Amino acid sequence: PITLSIQLESVTSTKIQFSWKPQGGTGDSPYTVSLRGESGEIKRILNETSTAFEGLLSDYQYQISVDVSSCSQNVSASLTVQTAAEVYSGTTRITNKEFKTEYQNKSSQEFKDFETKFVAEV
């Protein structure tokens, strides 16, 4: 009997690229490849053994699956994949607050109080 194994090739914040290998035989028909998320499902009928889904949501969980018929039986493999989260970094200059040396120590109570107030205001 045929089995399928899915191999992730690349996962970014907006793209999942993967391939699959039939083991123990070959399928009788093209592969049905699906991507499922909360917003719906995308299906593709393919003869090749790799594909990519693009334009996805970042930090989002999707289920990918591959189905093929072999000897009149349906064979399936699936995998849950989470896209990467987008990370933003930046700097902020605060001009209306006097700097205290305690702010250099992230463990200090002064820093923690300042951080809490800053996050709440942002």
PDB file of N, CA and C in Angstrom:
ATOM      1  N   PRO A   1       0.822  -1.202   0.000  1.00  0.00           N
ATOM      2  CA  PRO A   1       0.000   0.000   0.000  1.00  0.00           C
ATOM      3  C   PRO A   1       0.867   1.267   0.000  1.00  0.00           C
ATOM      4  N   ILE A   2       0.376   2.269  -0.659  1.00  0.00           N
ATOM      5  CA  ILE A   2       1.099   3.536  -0.768  1.00  0.00           C
ATOM      6  C   ILE A   2       0.880   4.388   0.485  1.00  0.00           C
ATOM      7  N   THR A   3       1.904   5.108   0.881  1.00  0.00           N
ATOM      8  CA  THR A   3       1.783   6.108   1.943  1.00  0.00           C
ATOM      9  C   THR A   3       2.384   7.409   1.433  1.00  0.00           C
ATOM     10  N   LEU A   4       1.987   8.511   2.037  1.00  0.00           N
ATOM     11  CA  LEU A   4       2.502   9.831   1.661  1.00  0.00           C
ATOM     12  C   LEU A   4       3.198  10.453   2.854  1.00  0.00           C
ATOM     13  N   SER A   5       4.315  11.115   2.607  1.00  0.00           N
ATOM     14  CA  SER A   5       4.970  11.889   3.667  1.00  0.00           C
ATOM     15  C   SER A   5       5.151  13.315   3.175  1.00  0.00           C
ATOM     16  N   ILE A   6       4.804  14.284   4.033  1.00  0.00           N
ATOM     17  CA  ILE A   6       4.893  15.708   3.685  1.00  0.00           C
ATOM     18  C   ILE A   6       6.175  16.271   4.289  1.00  0.00           C
ATOM     19  N   GLN A   7       6.892  17.047   3.487  1.00  0.00           N
ATOM     20  CA  GLN A   7       8.131  17.699   3.920  1.00  0.00           C
ATOM     21  C   GLN A   7       7.983  19.212   3.746  1.00  0.00           C
ATOM     22  N   LEU A   8       8.091  19.952   4.855  1.00  0.00           N
ATOM     23  CA  LEU A   8       8.054  21.414   4.756  1.00  0.00           C
ATOM     24  C   LEU A   8       9.360  21.904   4.144  1.00  0.00           C
ATOM     25  N   GLU A   9       9.253  22.810   3.173  1.00  0.00           N
ATOM     26  CA  GLU A   9      10.442  23.355   2.527  1.00  0.00           C
ATOM     27  C   GLU A   9      10.718  24.771   3.014  1.00  0.00           C
ATOM     28  N   SER A  10       9.648  25.553   3.208  1.00  0.00           N
ATOM     29  CA  SER A  10       9.815  26.937   3.637  1.00  0.00           C
ATOM     30  C   SER A  10       8.520  27.420   4.269  1.00  0.00           C
ATOM     31  N   VAL A  11       8.644  28.072   5.427  1.00  0.00           N
ATOM     32  CA  VAL A  11       7.492  28.688   6.078  1.00  0.00           C
ATOM     33  C   VAL A  11       7.900  30.101   6.465  1.00  0.00           C
ATOM     34  N   THR A  12       7.178  31.088   5.928  1.00  0.00           N
ATOM     35  CA  THR A  12       7.414  32.486   6.286  1.00  0.00           C
ATOM     36  C   THR A  12       6.132  33.041   6.884  1.00  0.00           C
ATOM     37  N   SER A  13       6.079  34.346   7.056  1.00  0.00           N
ATOM     38  CA  SER A  13       4.867  34.947   7.618  1.00  0.00           C
ATOM     39  C   SER A  13       3.697  34.930   6.637  1.00  0.00           C
ATOM     40  N   THR A  14       3.970  34.756   5.323  1.00  0.00           N
ATOM     41  CA  THR A  14       2.884  34.796   4.332  1.00  0.00           C
ATOM     42  C   THR A  14       2.891  33.622   3.360  1.00  0.00           C
ATOM     43  N   LYS A  15       3.782  32.637   3.570  1.00  0.00           N
ATOM     44  CA  LYS A  15       3.921  31.558   2.583  1.00  0.00           C
ATOM     45  C   LYS A  15       4.248  30.231   3.261  1.00  0.00           C
ATOM     46  N   ILE A  16       3.618  29.157   2.753  1.00  0.00           N
ATOM     47  CA  ILE A  16       3.954  27.788   3.147  1.00  0.00           C
ATOM     48  C   ILE A  16       4.299  27.032   1.872  1.00  0.00           C
ATOM     49  N   GLN A  17       5.530  26.533   1.806  1.00  0.00           N
ATOM     50  CA  GLN A  17       5.986  25.764   0.651  1.00  0.00           C
ATOM     51  C   GLN A  17       6.348  24.368   1.145  1.00  0.00           C
ATOM     52  N   PHE A  18       5.856  23.350   0.433  1.00  0.00           N
ATOM     53  CA  PHE A  18       6.094  21.982   0.872  1.00  0.00           C
ATOM     54  C   PHE A  18       6.090  21.019  -0.304  1.00  0.00           C
ATOM     55  N   SER A  19       6.597  19.824  -0.036  1.00  0.00           N
ATOM     56  CA  SER A  19       6.575  18.754  -1.033  1.00  0.00           C
ATOM     57  C   SER A  19       6.124  17.471  -0.332  1.00  0.00           C
ATOM     58  N   TRP A  20       5.866  16.455  -1.111  1.00  0.00           N
ATOM     59  CA  TRP A  20       5.443  15.179  -0.550  1.00  0.00           C
ATOM     60  C   TRP A  20       6.006  14.059  -1.400  1.00  0.00           C
ATOM     61  N   LYS A  21       6.161  12.904  -0.755  1.00  0.00           N
ATOM     62  CA  LYS A  21       6.716  11.746  -1.443  1.00  0.00           C
ATOM     63  C   LYS A  21       5.780  10.562  -1.269  1.00  0.00           C
ATOM     64  N   PRO A  22       5.390   9.968  -2.378  1.00  0.00           N
ATOM     65  CA  PRO A  22       4.655   8.707  -2.265  1.00  0.00           C
ATOM     66  C   PRO A  22       5.661   7.597  -1.962  1.00  0.00           C
ATOM     67  N   GLN A  23       5.354   6.757  -0.999  1.00  0.00           N
ATOM     68  CA  GLN A  23       6.247   5.662  -0.630  1.00  0.00           C
ATOM     69  C   GLN A  23       5.495   4.353  -0.732  1.00  0.00           C
ATOM     70  N   GLY A  24       6.139   3.361  -1.288  1.00  0.00           N
ATOM     71  CA  GLY A  24       5.518   2.043  -1.408  1.00  0.00           C
ATOM     72  C   GLY A  24       4.662   1.889  -2.638  1.00  0.00           C
ATOM     73  N   GLY A  25       4.835   2.751  -3.629  1.00  0.00           N
ATOM     74  CA  GLY A  25       4.055   2.660  -4.861  1.00  0.00           C
ATOM     75  C   GLY A  25       3.809   4.033  -5.438  1.00  0.00           C
ATOM     76  N   THR A  26       2.940   4.107  -6.410  1.00  0.00           N
ATOM     77  CA  THR A  26       2.581   5.386  -7.017  1.00  0.00           C
ATOM     78  C   THR A  26       1.072   5.523  -7.008  1.00  0.00           C
ATOM     79  N   GLY A  27       0.616   6.758  -7.046  1.00  0.00           N
ATOM     80  CA  GLY A  27      -0.823   7.016  -7.064  1.00  0.00           C
ATOM     81  C   GLY A  27      -1.406   6.812  -8.442  1.00  0.00           C
ATOM     82  N   ASP A  28      -2.684   6.502  -8.500  1.00  0.00           N
ATOM     83  CA  ASP A  28      -3.364   6.255  -9.765  1.00  0.00           C
ATOM     84  C   ASP A  28      -3.876   7.532 -10.420  1.00  0.00           C
ATOM     85  N   SER A  29      -3.876   8.651  -9.702  1.00  0.00           N
ATOM     86  CA  SER A  29      -4.462   9.864 -10.254  1.00  0.00           C
ATOM     87  C   SER A  29      -3.679  11.065  -9.741  1.00  0.00           C
ATOM     88  N   PRO A  30      -3.981  12.260 -10.205  1.00  0.00           N
ATOM     89  CA  PRO A  30      -3.289  13.448  -9.681  1.00  0.00           C
ATOM     90  C   PRO A  30      -3.540  13.626  -8.181  1.00  0.00           C
ATOM     91  N   TYR A  31      -2.698  14.428  -7.568  1.00  0.00           N
ATOM     92  CA  TYR A  31      -2.791  14.714  -6.140  1.00  0.00           C
ATOM     93  C   TYR A  31      -3.779  15.853  -5.902  1.00  0.00           C
ATOM     94  N   THR A  32      -4.592  15.717  -4.873  1.00  0.00           N
ATOM     95  CA  THR A  32      -5.452  16.803  -4.424  1.00  0.00           C
ATOM     96  C   THR A  32      -4.788  17.402  -3.188  1.00  0.00           C
ATOM     97  N   VAL A  33      -4.406  18.660  -3.302  1.00  0.00           N
ATOM     98  CA  VAL A  33      -3.695  19.348  -2.225  1.00  0.00           C
ATOM     99  C   VAL A  33      -4.625  20.412  -1.658  1.00  0.00           C
ATOM    100  N   SER A  34      -4.750  20.451  -0.324  1.00  0.00           N
ATOM    101  CA  SER A  34      -5.658  21.401   0.329  1.00  0.00           C
ATOM    102  C   SER A  34      -4.930  22.203   1.385  1.00  0.00           C
ATOM    103  N   LEU A  35      -5.354  23.445   1.517  1.00  0.00           N
ATOM    104  CA  LEU A  35      -4.917  24.317   2.602  1.00  0.00           C
ATOM    105  C   LEU A  35      -6.178  24.774   3.309  1.00  0.00           C
ATOM    106  N   ARG A  36      -6.283  24.487   4.623  1.00  0.00           N
ATOM    107  CA  ARG A  36      -7.469  24.869   5.385  1.00  0.00           C
ATOM    108  C   ARG A  36      -7.081  25.818   6.504  1.00  0.00           C
ATOM    109  N   GLY A  37      -7.900  26.855   6.647  1.00  0.00           N
ATOM    110  CA  GLY A  37      -7.764  27.801   7.749  1.00  0.00           C
ATOM    111  C   GLY A  37      -9.154  28.180   8.210  1.00  0.00           C
ATOM    112  N   GLU A  38      -9.228  29.034   9.213  1.00  0.00           N
ATOM    113  CA  GLU A  38     -10.543  29.442   9.720  1.00  0.00           C
ATOM    114  C   GLU A  38     -11.382  30.134   8.655  1.00  0.00           C
ATOM    115  N   SER A  39     -10.717  30.790   7.704  1.00  0.00           N
ATOM    116  CA  SER A  39     -11.459  31.548   6.698  1.00  0.00           C
ATOM    117  C   SER A  39     -11.868  30.715   5.490  1.00  0.00           C
ATOM    118  N   GLY A  40     -11.503  29.431   5.465  1.00  0.00           N
ATOM    119  CA  GLY A  40     -11.946  28.607   4.344  1.00  0.00           C
ATOM    120  C   GLY A  40     -10.889  27.618   3.898  1.00  0.00           C
ATOM    121  N   GLU A  41     -11.060  27.123   2.661  1.00  0.00           N
ATOM    122  CA  GLU A  41     -10.202  26.081   2.129  1.00  0.00           C
ATOM    123  C   GLU A  41      -9.836  26.392   0.685  1.00  0.00           C
ATOM    124  N   ILE A  42      -8.587  26.080   0.331  1.00  0.00           N
ATOM    125  CA  ILE A  42      -8.117  26.192  -1.048  1.00  0.00           C
ATOM    126  C   ILE A  42      -7.710  24.796  -1.480  1.00  0.00           C
ATOM    127  N   LYS A  43      -8.207  24.358  -2.653  1.00  0.00           N
ATOM    128  CA  LYS A  43      -7.857  23.033  -3.177  1.00  0.00           C
ATOM    129  C   LYS A  43      -7.179  23.192  -4.529  1.00  0.00           C
ATOM    130  N   ARG A  44      -6.183  22.338  -4.746  1.00  0.00           N
ATOM    131  CA  ARG A  44      -5.495  22.291  -6.035  1.00  0.00           C
ATOM    132  C   ARG A  44      -5.373  20.837  -6.471  1.00  0.00           C
ATOM    133  N   ILE A  45      -5.509  20.617  -7.774  1.00  0.00           N
ATOM    134  CA  ILE A  45      -5.286  19.298  -8.358  1.00  0.00           C
ATOM    135  C   ILE A  45      -3.951  19.384  -9.106  1.00  0.00           C
ATOM    136  N   LEU A  46      -2.971  18.574  -8.673  1.00  0.00           N
ATOM    137  CA  LEU A  46      -1.619  18.689  -9.211  1.00  0.00           C
ATOM    138  C   LEU A  46      -1.060  17.339  -9.644  1.00  0.00           C
ATOM    139  N   ASN A  47      -0.216  17.360 -10.678  1.00  0.00           N
ATOM    140  CA  ASN A  47       0.528  16.166 -11.071  1.00  0.00           C
ATOM    141  C   ASN A  47       1.915  16.146 -10.429  1.00  0.00           C
ATOM    142  N   GLU A  48       2.446  17.324 -10.085  1.00  0.00           N
ATOM    143  CA  GLU A  48       3.771  17.383  -9.452  1.00  0.00           C
ATOM    144  C   GLU A  48       3.663  17.120  -7.955  1.00  0.00           C
ATOM    145  N   THR A  49       4.801  17.009  -7.286  1.00  0.00           N
ATOM    146  CA  THR A  49       4.820  16.647  -5.867  1.00  0.00           C
ATOM    147  C   THR A  49       5.347  17.780  -4.984  1.00  0.00           C
ATOM    148  N   SER A  50       5.068  19.004  -5.373  1.00  0.00           N
ATOM    149  CA  SER A  50       5.396  20.148  -4.512  1.00  0.00           C
ATOM    150  C   SER A  50       4.508  21.328  -4.892  1.00  0.00           C
ATOM    151  N   THR A  51       4.312  22.214  -3.931  1.00  0.00           N
ATOM    152  CA  THR A  51       3.517  23.410  -4.184  1.00  0.00           C
ATOM    153  C   THR A  51       3.794  24.429  -3.082  1.00  0.00           C
ATOM    154  N   ALA A  52       3.286  25.630  -3.291  1.00  0.00           N
ATOM    155  CA  ALA A  52       3.393  26.688  -2.282  1.00  0.00           C
ATOM    156  C   ALA A  52       2.080  27.457  -2.253  1.00  0.00           C
ATOM    157  N   PHE A  53       1.663  27.822  -1.068  1.00  0.00           N
ATOM    158  CA  PHE A  53       0.510  28.704  -0.891  1.00  0.00           C
ATOM    159  C   PHE A  53       1.055  30.036  -0.400  1.00  0.00           C
ATOM    160  N   GLU A  54       0.682  31.116  -1.090  1.00  0.00           N
ATOM    161  CA  GLU A  54       1.193  32.444  -0.744  1.00  0.00           C
ATOM    162  C   GLU A  54       0.043  33.382  -0.406  1.00  0.00           C
ATOM    163  N   GLY A  55       0.389  34.543   0.131  1.00  0.00           N
ATOM    164  CA  GLY A  55      -0.622  35.520   0.514  1.00  0.00           C
ATOM    165  C   GLY A  55      -1.370  35.123   1.770  1.00  0.00           C
ATOM    166  N   LEU A  56      -0.712  34.376   2.659  1.00  0.00           N
ATOM    167  CA  LEU A  56      -1.352  33.885   3.875  1.00  0.00           C
ATOM    168  C   LEU A  56      -1.239  34.908   5.003  1.00  0.00           C
ATOM    169  N   LEU A  57      -1.986  34.676   6.057  1.00  0.00           N
ATOM    170  CA  LEU A  57      -1.938  35.536   7.236  1.00  0.00           C
ATOM    171  C   LEU A  57      -0.761  35.145   8.112  1.00  0.00           C
ATOM    172  N   SER A  58      -0.097  36.132   8.699  1.00  0.00           N
ATOM    173  CA  SER A  58       1.030  35.833   9.574  1.00  0.00           C
ATOM    174  C   SER A  58       0.539  35.340  10.931  1.00  0.00           C
ATOM    175  N   ASP A  59       1.347  34.504  11.559  1.00  0.00           N
ATOM    176  CA  ASP A  59       1.064  33.950  12.891  1.00  0.00           C
ATOM    177  C   ASP A  59      -0.307  33.276  12.923  1.00  0.00           C
ATOM    178  N   TYR A  60      -0.568  32.449  11.917  1.00  0.00           N
ATOM    179  CA  TYR A  60      -1.879  31.835  11.721  1.00  0.00           C
ATOM    180  C   TYR A  60      -1.675  30.339  11.490  1.00  0.00           C
ATOM    181  N   GLN A  61      -2.567  29.535  12.018  1.00  0.00           N
ATOM    182  CA  GLN A  61      -2.448  28.086  11.900  1.00  0.00           C
ATOM    183  C   GLN A  61      -3.261  27.580  10.707  1.00  0.00           C
ATOM    184  N   TYR A  62      -2.604  26.782   9.868  1.00  0.00           N
ATOM    185  CA  TYR A  62      -3.234  26.182   8.700  1.00  0.00           C
ATOM    186  C   TYR A  62      -3.029  24.677   8.740  1.00  0.00           C
ATOM    187  N   GLN A  63      -3.938  23.948   8.085  1.00  0.00           N
ATOM    188  CA  GLN A  63      -3.750  22.519   7.900  1.00  0.00           C
ATOM    189  C   GLN A  63      -3.548  22.273   6.420  1.00  0.00           C
ATOM    190  N   ILE A  64      -2.444  21.607   6.079  1.00  0.00           N
ATOM    191  CA  ILE A  64      -2.204  21.229   4.692  1.00  0.00           C
ATOM    192  C   ILE A  64      -2.436  19.726   4.581  1.00  0.00           C
ATOM    193  N   SER A  65      -2.991  19.311   3.452  1.00  0.00           N
ATOM    194  CA  SER A  65      -3.215  17.873   3.245  1.00  0.00           C
ATOM    195  C   SER A  65      -3.007  17.526   1.787  1.00  0.00           C
ATOM    196  N   VAL A  66      -2.604  16.284   1.571  1.00  0.00           N
ATOM    197  CA  VAL A  66      -2.389  15.738   0.231  1.00  0.00           C
ATOM    198  C   VAL A  66      -3.153  14.426   0.161  1.00  0.00           C
ATOM    199  N   ASP A  67      -3.958  14.275  -0.886  1.00  0.00           N
ATOM    200  CA  ASP A  67      -4.744  13.058  -1.097  1.00  0.00           C
ATOM    201  C   ASP A  67      -4.442  12.508  -2.484  1.00  0.00           C
ATOM    202  N   VAL A  68      -4.419  11.181  -2.600  1.00  0.00           N
ATOM    203  CA  VAL A  68      -4.251  10.526  -3.895  1.00  0.00           C
ATOM    204  C   VAL A  68      -4.968   9.180  -3.845  1.00  0.00           C
ATOM    205  N   SER A  69      -5.441   8.727  -5.007  1.00  0.00           N
ATOM    206  CA  SER A  69      -6.066   7.407  -5.080  1.00  0.00           C
ATOM    207  C   SER A  69      -5.015   6.387  -5.494  1.00  0.00           C
ATOM    208  N   SER A  70      -5.056   5.239  -4.845  1.00  0.00           N
ATOM    209  CA  SER A  70      -4.137   4.150  -5.174  1.00  0.00           C
ATOM    210  C   SER A  70      -4.899   2.836  -5.016  1.00  0.00           C
ATOM    211  N   CYS A  71      -4.951   2.068  -6.079  1.00  0.00           N
ATOM    212  CA  CYS A  71      -5.678   0.781  -6.057  1.00  0.00           C
ATOM    213  C   CYS A  71      -7.096   0.972  -5.523  1.00  0.00           C
ATOM    214  N   SER A  72      -7.766   1.988  -6.003  1.00  0.00           N
ATOM    215  CA  SER A  72      -9.154   2.310  -5.630  1.00  0.00           C
ATOM    216  C   SER A  72      -9.325   2.691  -4.169  1.00  0.00           C
ATOM    217  N   GLN A  73      -8.231   3.010  -3.491  1.00  0.00           N
ATOM    218  CA  GLN A  73      -8.319   3.487  -2.115  1.00  0.00           C
ATOM    219  C   GLN A  73      -7.728   4.888  -2.045  1.00  0.00           C
ATOM    220  N   ASN A  74      -8.343   5.716  -1.187  1.00  0.00           N
ATOM    221  CA  ASN A  74      -7.837   7.069  -1.009  1.00  0.00           C
ATOM    222  C   ASN A  74      -6.749   7.059   0.066  1.00  0.00           C
ATOM    223  N   VAL A  75      -5.610   7.666  -0.255  1.00  0.00           N
ATOM    224  CA  VAL A  75      -4.495   7.772   0.685  1.00  0.00           C
ATOM    225  C   VAL A  75      -4.292   9.249   0.976  1.00  0.00           C
ATOM    226  N   SER A  76      -4.105   9.566   2.259  1.00  0.00           N
ATOM    227  CA  SER A  76      -4.043  10.962   2.658  1.00  0.00           C
ATOM    228  C   SER A  76      -2.940  11.191   3.686  1.00  0.00           C
ATOM    229  N   ALA A  77      -2.359  12.389   3.642  1.00  0.00           N
ATOM    230  CA  ALA A  77      -1.411  12.831   4.671  1.00  0.00           C
ATOM    231  C   ALA A  77      -1.736  14.280   4.973  1.00  0.00           C
ATOM    232  N   SER A  78      -1.620  14.669   6.238  1.00  0.00           N
ATOM    233  CA  SER A  78      -1.893  16.061   6.583  1.00  0.00           C
ATOM    234  C   SER A  78      -0.924  16.529   7.658  1.00  0.00           C
ATOM    235  N   LEU A  79      -0.808  17.854   7.757  1.00  0.00           N
ATOM    236  CA  LEU A  79       0.124  18.462   8.686  1.00  0.00           C
ATOM    237  C   LEU A  79      -0.422  19.827   9.079  1.00  0.00           C
ATOM    238  N   THR A  80      -0.318  20.166  10.355  1.00  0.00           N
ATOM    239  CA  THR A  80      -0.704  21.493  10.819  1.00  0.00           C
ATOM    240  C   THR A  80       0.541  22.364  10.860  1.00  0.00           C
ATOM    241  N   VAL A  81       0.430  23.547  10.252  1.00  0.00           N
ATOM    242  CA  VAL A  81       1.573  24.448  10.117  1.00  0.00           C
ATOM    243  C   VAL A  81       1.145  25.847  10.556  1.00  0.00           C
ATOM    244  N   GLN A  82       2.003  26.522  11.282  1.00  0.00           N
ATOM    245  CA  GLN A  82       1.731  27.906  11.680  1.00  0.00           C
ATOM    246  C   GLN A  82       2.707  28.823  10.964  1.00  0.00           C
ATOM    247  N   THR A  83       2.160  29.842  10.298  1.00  0.00           N
ATOM    248  CA  THR A  83       3.030  30.806   9.639  1.00  0.00           C
ATOM    249  C   THR A  83       3.775  31.617  10.693  1.00  0.00           C
ATOM    250  N   ALA A  84       4.901  32.150  10.302  1.00  0.00           N
ATOM    251  CA  ALA A  84       5.724  32.932  11.223  1.00  0.00           C
ATOM    252  C   ALA A  84       5.027  34.251  11.559  1.00  0.00           C
ATOM    253  N   ALA A  85       5.296  34.748  12.747  1.00  0.00           N
ATOM    254  CA  ALA A  85       4.760  36.042  13.147  1.00  0.00           C
ATOM    255  C   ALA A  85       5.642  37.141  12.577  1.00  0.00           C
ATOM    256  N   GLU A  86       5.031  38.242  12.204  1.00  0.00           N
ATOM    257  CA  GLU A  86       5.813  39.392  11.772  1.00  0.00           C
ATOM    258  C   GLU A  86       6.347  40.092  13.010  1.00  0.00           C
ATOM    259  N   VAL A  87       7.597  40.475  12.946  1.00  0.00           N
ATOM    260  CA  VAL A  87       8.230  41.144  14.071  1.00  0.00           C
ATOM    261  C   VAL A  87       8.583  42.566  13.641  1.00  0.00           C
ATOM    262  N   TYR A  88       8.175  43.494  14.443  1.00  0.00           N
ATOM    263  CA  TYR A  88       8.489  44.894  14.191  1.00  0.00           C
ATOM    264  C   TYR A  88       9.457  45.372  15.260  1.00  0.00           C
ATOM    265  N   SER A  89      10.414  46.148  14.855  1.00  0.00           N
ATOM    266  CA  SER A  89      11.300  46.748  15.848  1.00  0.00           C
ATOM    267  C   SER A  89      11.435  48.227  15.530  1.00  0.00           C
ATOM    268  N   GLY A  90      11.692  48.979  16.547  1.00  0.00           N
ATOM    269  CA  GLY A  90      11.831  50.414  16.348  1.00  0.00           C
ATOM    270  C   GLY A  90      12.367  51.057  17.607  1.00  0.00           C
ATOM    271  N   THR A  91      12.538  52.329  17.540  1.00  0.00           N
ATOM    272  CA  THR A  91      12.998  53.082  18.700  1.00  0.00           C
ATOM    273  C   THR A  91      12.035  54.237  18.946  1.00  0.00           C
ATOM    274  N   THR A  92      12.003  54.660  20.177  1.00  0.00           N
ATOM    275  CA  THR A  92      11.149  55.783  20.562  1.00  0.00           C
ATOM    276  C   THR A  92      11.984  56.749  21.386  1.00  0.00           C
ATOM    277  N   ARG A  93      11.847  58.000  21.097  1.00  0.00           N
ATOM    278  CA  ARG A  93      12.523  59.023  21.887  1.00  0.00           C
ATOM    279  C   ARG A  93      11.470  59.704  22.746  1.00  0.00           C
ATOM    280  N   ILE A  94      11.709  59.721  24.042  1.00  0.00           N
ATOM    281  CA  ILE A  94      10.769  60.318  24.987  1.00  0.00           C
ATOM    282  C   ILE A  94      11.370  61.645  25.445  1.00  0.00           C
ATOM    283  N   THR A  95      10.665  62.708  25.150  1.00  0.00           N
ATOM    284  CA  THR A  95      11.228  64.045  25.416  1.00  0.00           C
ATOM    285  C   THR A  95      10.559  64.759  26.590  1.00  0.00           C
ATOM    286  N   ASN A  96       9.457  64.215  27.077  1.00  0.00           N
ATOM    287  CA  ASN A  96       8.741  64.918  28.146  1.00  0.00           C
ATOM    288  C   ASN A  96       8.940  64.271  29.513  1.00  0.00           C
ATOM    289  N   LYS A  97       9.986  63.462  29.659  1.00  0.00           N
ATOM    290  CA  LYS A  97      10.236  62.758  30.915  1.00  0.00           C
ATOM    291  C   LYS A  97      11.726  62.836  31.229  1.00  0.00           C
ATOM    292  N   GLU A  98      12.053  63.151  32.459  1.00  0.00           N
ATOM    293  CA  GLU A  98      13.446  63.220  32.903  1.00  0.00           C
ATOM    294  C   GLU A  98      14.012  61.800  33.031  1.00  0.00           C
ATOM    295  N   PHE A  99      15.198  61.562  32.458  1.00  0.00           N
ATOM    296  CA  PHE A  99      15.821  60.238  32.522  1.00  0.00           C
ATOM    297  C   PHE A  99      16.386  59.986  33.917  1.00  0.00           C
ATOM    298  N   LYS A 100      16.114  58.789  34.413  1.00  0.00           N
ATOM    299  CA  LYS A 100      16.665  58.367  35.700  1.00  0.00           C
ATOM    300  C   LYS A 100      17.650  57.232  35.441  1.00  0.00           C
ATOM    301  N   THR A 101      18.752  57.195  36.177  1.00  0.00           N
ATOM    302  CA  THR A 101      19.742  56.138  35.969  1.00  0.00           C
ATOM    303  C   THR A 101      19.166  54.760  36.258  1.00  0.00           C
ATOM    304  N   GLU A 102      18.122  54.667  37.095  1.00  0.00           N
ATOM    305  CA  GLU A 102      17.493  53.381  37.394  1.00  0.00           C
ATOM    306  C   GLU A 102      16.854  52.743  36.150  1.00  0.00           C
ATOM    307  N   TYR A 103      16.549  53.570  35.131  1.00  0.00           N
ATOM    308  CA  TYR A 103      15.949  53.041  33.910  1.00  0.00           C
ATOM    309  C   TYR A 103      16.916  52.123  33.150  1.00  0.00           C
ATOM    310  N   GLN A 104      18.216  52.233  33.424  1.00  0.00           N
ATOM    311  CA  GLN A 104      19.191  51.374  32.760  1.00  0.00           C
ATOM    312  C   GLN A 104      19.136  49.936  33.276  1.00  0.00           C
ATOM    313  N   ASN A 105      18.555  49.734  34.430  1.00  0.00           N
ATOM    314  CA  ASN A 105      18.422  48.411  35.029  1.00  0.00           C
ATOM    315  C   ASN A 105      16.981  47.923  34.827  1.00  0.00           C
ATOM    316  N   LYS A 106      16.806  46.979  33.911  1.00  0.00           N
ATOM    317  CA  LYS A 106      15.454  46.498  33.592  1.00  0.00           C
ATOM    318  C   LYS A 106      14.792  45.765  34.754  1.00  0.00           C
ATOM    319  N   SER A 107      15.565  45.426  35.791  1.00  0.00           N
ATOM    320  CA  SER A 107      15.005  44.757  36.968  1.00  0.00           C
ATOM    321  C   SER A 107      14.543  45.746  38.028  1.00  0.00           C
ATOM    322  N   SER A 108      14.894  47.005  37.859  1.00  0.00           N
ATOM    323  CA  SER A 108      14.542  47.992  38.887  1.00  0.00           C
ATOM    324  C   SER A 108      13.045  48.293  38.869  1.00  0.00           C
ATOM    325  N   GLN A 109      12.520  48.646  40.022  1.00  0.00           N
ATOM    326  CA  GLN A 109      11.101  48.978  40.125  1.00  0.00           C
ATOM    327  C   GLN A 109      10.783  50.219  39.306  1.00  0.00           C
ATOM    328  N   GLU A 110      11.714  51.183  39.272  1.00  0.00           N
ATOM    329  CA  GLU A 110      11.489  52.411  38.488  1.00  0.00           C
ATOM    330  C   GLU A 110      11.307  52.075  37.004  1.00  0.00           C
ATOM    331  N   PHE A 111      12.173  51.192  36.487  1.00  0.00           N
ATOM    332  CA  PHE A 111      12.050  50.808  35.085  1.00  0.00           C
ATOM    333  C   PHE A 111      10.729  50.085  34.841  1.00  0.00           C
ATOM    334  N   LYS A 112      10.377  49.147  35.710  1.00  0.00           N
ATOM    335  CA  LYS A 112       9.137  48.381  35.538  1.00  0.00           C
ATOM    336  C   LYS A 112       7.916  49.288  35.566  1.00  0.00           C
ATOM    337  N   ASP A 113       7.903  50.270  36.481  1.00  0.00           N
ATOM    338  CA  ASP A 113       6.781  51.211  36.546  1.00  0.00           C
ATOM    339  C   ASP A 113       6.706  52.053  35.280  1.00  0.00           C
ATOM    340  N   PHE A 114       7.865  52.518  34.819  1.00  0.00           N
ATOM    341  CA  PHE A 114       7.910  53.325  33.605  1.00  0.00           C
ATOM    342  C   PHE A 114       7.435  52.504  32.398  1.00  0.00           C
ATOM    343  N   GLU A 115       7.921  51.270  32.301  1.00  0.00           N
ATOM    344  CA  GLU A 115       7.537  50.402  31.185  1.00  0.00           C
ATOM    345  C   GLU A 115       6.030  50.141  31.176  1.00  0.00           C
ATOM    346  N   THR A 116       5.463  49.866  32.343  1.00  0.00           N
ATOM    347  CA  THR A 116       4.020  49.609  32.436  1.00  0.00           C
ATOM    348  C   THR A 116       3.227  50.818  31.969  1.00  0.00           C
ATOM    349  N   LYS A 117       3.632  52.002  32.422  1.00  0.00           N
ATOM    350  CA  LYS A 117       2.933  53.224  32.030  1.00  0.00           C
ATOM    351  C   LYS A 117       3.110  53.494  30.528  1.00  0.00           C
ATOM    352  N   PHE A 118       4.307  53.285  30.020  1.00  0.00           N
ATOM    353  CA  PHE A 118       4.587  53.519  28.605  1.00  0.00           C
ATOM    354  C   PHE A 118       3.727  52.604  27.714  1.00  0.00           C
ATOM    355  N   VAL A 119       3.696  51.318  28.057  1.00  0.00           N
ATOM    356  CA  VAL A 119       2.913  50.352  27.257  1.00  0.00           C
ATOM    357  C   VAL A 119       1.433  50.702  27.307  1.00  0.00           C
ATOM    358  N   ALA A 120       0.940  51.096  28.460  1.00  0.00           N
ATOM    359  CA  ALA A 120      -0.482  51.460  28.588  1.00  0.00           C
ATOM    360  C   ALA A 120      -0.814  52.674  27.741  1.00  0.00           C
ATOM    361  N   GLU A 121       0.100  53.628  27.677  1.00  0.00           N
ATOM    362  CA  GLU A 121      -0.166  54.842  26.896  1.00  0.00           C
ATOM    363  C   GLU A 121      -0.036  54.613  25.400  1.00  0.00           C
ATOM    364  N   VAL A 122       0.828  53.714  25.020  1.00  0.00           N
ATOM    365  CA  VAL A 122       0.993  53.423  23.583  1.00  0.00           C
ATOM    366  C   VAL A 122      -0.192  52.594  23.116  1.00  0.00           C
TER     367      VAL A 122
END
